[in-house]
Structures are given as C-alpha cells and as structure tokens.
Amino acid sequence: MTNSDETGPQTLLAVEERVSVNKRTQVTGTVRARTLSHEHEQPVEADLSVETLEVERIPVGRFVDAPIPDRQDGDTTVISVIEEVAVVEVRLKLVEEVRITRRTASRKMTERVTLRRQEVVVDQDPPPDAPAA
C-alpha cells in the first residue's frame, strides 16, 4: 500500500490467478488377446439298432380256388405266388410263398471323437516408457 497522506486515497493491489487445463493422450500400456484351442479325445457310447430282412422261399405246389392276398404273420409278411396251369379246367395252383421276416438286433458301439475347447488369454504389456523390470 502506498499513500501520500494518511487520510488521502489509498491504492490496493489486486492479484488475479488463472488456471489453464490441457489434455494429452499418453499410452500407459497395451493389451493383447489371443485364443488358444485345446483338443481332447472322449469315448462316446451309443446303442445302435440294426434291422435285417430274411427272405425264405417255401414251395407249396397245391391248387387253390382264388388268389390268396398278402398277409402279415407276426413280424413276417407272406406273399403268395400263383400261376395258371392248363388242365382240363383252369385252376389256381399255389406255387410258393415268399416269407420276409424283419429281425432287429441291438449292439453297443464305442467310438473315440475329438472335441475342441477354446480359451482367451489376455496379456498386458507395460507402457513403452516404463523402466525395464
């Protein structure tokens, strides 16, 4: 404070402070992600159903009055085969029956299969300006 006389005008000094904020980008580290694949074998069991057909021809050789329709006898389908035979009269003769039997069998099956699994590993690198450890 300065003054020429004690009762005269007085001068006050004022100070103003100002703040300025700036931003900049700085690399503080890097991150790397990688995928690892793992394979392992695992046995797999399954019940399989196998169906086979058995064909059996049975000679019959007898005369019939009319065609015999196909029929089912349990698991067996019976198909009658006829032919016309010239005699003094025409009659139907049952020549043979074809029997088709359905058989179903089960068996266990073991097979090795390859299964895959993936995992992600994330590694963090130090910043480029960091001191070496």
Protein backbone atom coordinates (compact mmCIF):
# COMPACT_ATOMS: atom_id res chain seq x y z
CA MET A 1 0.00 0.00 0.00
CA THR A 2 1.21 3.47 -0.89
CA ASN A 3 -0.20 6.71 0.16
CA SER A 4 0.91 10.34 0.14
CA ASP A 5 -1.02 11.24 3.11
CA GLU A 6 -2.70 9.21 5.72
CA THR A 7 -6.17 10.41 5.13
CA GLY A 8 -5.95 10.60 1.37
CA PRO A 9 -6.84 8.00 -1.19
CA GLN A 10 -5.41 4.58 -0.74
CA THR A 11 -4.31 2.19 -3.52
CA LEU A 12 -4.89 -1.53 -3.18
CA LEU A 13 -3.01 -4.05 -5.25
CA ALA A 14 -5.16 -6.89 -6.62
CA VAL A 15 -3.76 -10.14 -7.95
CA GLU A 16 -5.70 -12.47 -10.21
CA GLU A 17 -4.67 -16.04 -10.85
CA ARG A 18 -5.88 -18.00 -13.83
CA VAL A 19 -5.72 -21.76 -14.39
CA SER A 20 -5.41 -23.40 -17.76
CA VAL A 21 -6.06 -27.15 -18.15
CA ASN A 22 -4.84 -29.09 -21.18
CA LYS A 23 -5.28 -32.77 -22.06
CA ARG A 24 -2.92 -35.05 -23.96
CA THR A 25 -3.01 -38.71 -24.87
CA GLN A 26 -0.42 -40.92 -23.23
CA VAL A 27 -0.01 -44.68 -23.74
CA THR A 28 0.09 -46.33 -20.33
CA GLY A 29 0.20 -49.90 -21.57
CA THR A 30 -1.14 -52.25 -24.26
CA VAL A 31 -3.36 -55.30 -24.06
CA ARG A 32 -3.12 -58.35 -26.33
CA ALA A 33 -5.83 -61.01 -26.55
CA ARG A 34 -5.18 -64.43 -28.10
CA THR A 35 -7.28 -67.54 -28.48
CA LEU A 36 -5.94 -70.95 -27.54
CA SER A 37 -7.61 -74.12 -28.82
CA HIS A 38 -7.38 -77.37 -26.90
CA GLU A 39 -8.33 -80.81 -28.22
CA HIS A 40 -9.02 -83.97 -26.28
CA GLU A 41 -10.49 -87.33 -27.16
CA GLN A 42 -13.53 -88.65 -25.40
CA PRO A 43 -15.19 -92.05 -25.88
CA VAL A 44 -18.83 -91.94 -26.94
CA GLU A 45 -21.19 -94.88 -26.47
CA ALA A 46 -24.43 -95.36 -28.36
CA ASP A 47 -26.99 -98.13 -28.74
CA LEU A 48 -27.40 -98.94 -32.41
CA SER A 49 -30.36 -100.75 -33.91
CA VAL A 50 -29.67 -102.95 -36.92
CA GLU A 51 -32.56 -104.24 -38.96
CA THR A 52 -32.14 -107.10 -41.42
CA LEU A 53 -34.60 -108.85 -43.72
CA GLU A 54 -34.57 -112.60 -44.13
CA VAL A 55 -36.16 -113.98 -47.31
CA GLU A 56 -37.34 -117.59 -47.27
CA ARG A 57 -38.99 -119.32 -50.24
CA ILE A 58 -41.27 -122.24 -49.32
CA PRO A 59 -42.52 -124.43 -52.18
CA VAL A 60 -46.22 -125.29 -51.73
CA GLY A 61 -47.49 -126.88 -55.01
CA ARG A 62 -51.22 -127.12 -54.21
CA PHE A 63 -54.23 -125.86 -56.13
CA VAL A 64 -56.35 -123.04 -54.71
CA ASP A 65 -59.77 -121.68 -55.65
CA ALA A 66 -58.86 -117.96 -55.61
CA PRO A 67 -55.76 -115.76 -55.27
CA ILE A 68 -54.54 -115.50 -51.69
CA PRO A 69 -53.98 -111.90 -50.57
CA ASP A 70 -50.67 -110.93 -48.97
CA ARG A 71 -50.81 -111.29 -45.19
CA GLN A 72 -48.85 -110.49 -42.05
CA ASP A 73 -47.92 -113.33 -39.70
CA GLY A 74 -46.26 -111.61 -36.68
CA ASP A 75 -43.07 -109.98 -37.98
CA THR A 76 -43.31 -111.98 -41.23
CA THR A 77 -45.02 -110.75 -44.40
CA VAL A 78 -46.30 -113.66 -46.52
CA ILE A 79 -46.64 -113.08 -50.28
CA SER A 80 -48.39 -115.92 -52.20
CA VAL A 81 -47.15 -116.60 -55.75
CA ILE A 82 -49.67 -118.23 -58.07
CA GLU A 83 -49.66 -119.43 -61.65
CA GLU A 84 -52.34 -120.56 -64.00
CA VAL A 85 -51.96 -124.19 -65.04
CA ALA A 86 -53.82 -125.56 -68.06
CA VAL A 87 -55.65 -128.71 -67.12
CA VAL A 88 -58.97 -129.88 -68.44
CA GLU A 89 -60.05 -126.92 -66.44
CA VAL A 90 -58.15 -123.83 -65.34
CA ARG A 91 -57.35 -123.84 -61.65
CA LEU A 92 -55.03 -121.81 -59.50
CA LYS A 93 -52.01 -123.56 -58.09
CA LEU A 94 -50.13 -122.08 -55.15
CA VAL A 95 -46.53 -122.39 -56.29
CA GLU A 96 -44.68 -120.91 -53.35
CA GLU A 97 -44.87 -118.46 -50.51
CA VAL A 98 -42.18 -115.85 -50.05
CA ARG A 99 -41.70 -115.06 -46.38
CA ILE A 100 -39.88 -111.85 -45.43
CA THR A 101 -39.04 -111.68 -41.73
CA ARG A 102 -37.88 -108.49 -40.02
CA ARG A 103 -35.18 -109.00 -37.36
CA THR A 104 -33.93 -106.19 -35.12
CA ALA A 105 -30.71 -106.50 -33.12
CA SER A 106 -29.02 -104.04 -30.77
CA ARG A 107 -25.34 -103.67 -30.10
CA LYS A 108 -23.13 -101.25 -28.16
CA MET A 109 -20.80 -99.00 -30.14
CA THR A 110 -17.80 -97.19 -28.69
CA GLU A 111 -16.07 -94.58 -30.83
CA ARG A 112 -13.40 -92.03 -29.95
CA VAL A 113 -14.26 -88.49 -31.00
CA THR A 114 -12.12 -85.35 -30.85
CA LEU A 115 -13.66 -82.42 -29.00
CA ARG A 116 -12.30 -78.84 -29.14
CA ARG A 117 -12.39 -76.12 -26.49
CA GLN A 118 -11.16 -72.54 -26.82
CA GLU A 119 -9.99 -70.07 -24.21
CA VAL A 120 -8.92 -66.44 -24.49
CA VAL A 121 -5.71 -65.31 -22.78
CA VAL A 122 -5.27 -61.56 -22.23
CA ASP A 123 -1.70 -60.27 -21.62
CA GLN A 124 -0.96 -56.67 -20.61
CA ASP A 125 2.29 -55.10 -21.79
CA PRO A 126 3.94 -52.30 -19.75
CA PRO A 127 3.86 -48.76 -21.12
CA PRO A 128 6.59 -48.04 -23.69
CA ASP A 129 8.36 -45.52 -21.43
CA ALA A 130 8.30 -47.73 -18.30
CA PRO A 131 11.66 -48.84 -16.92
CA ALA A 132 12.56 -52.49 -17.63
CA ALA A 133 11.94 -54.81 -14.73
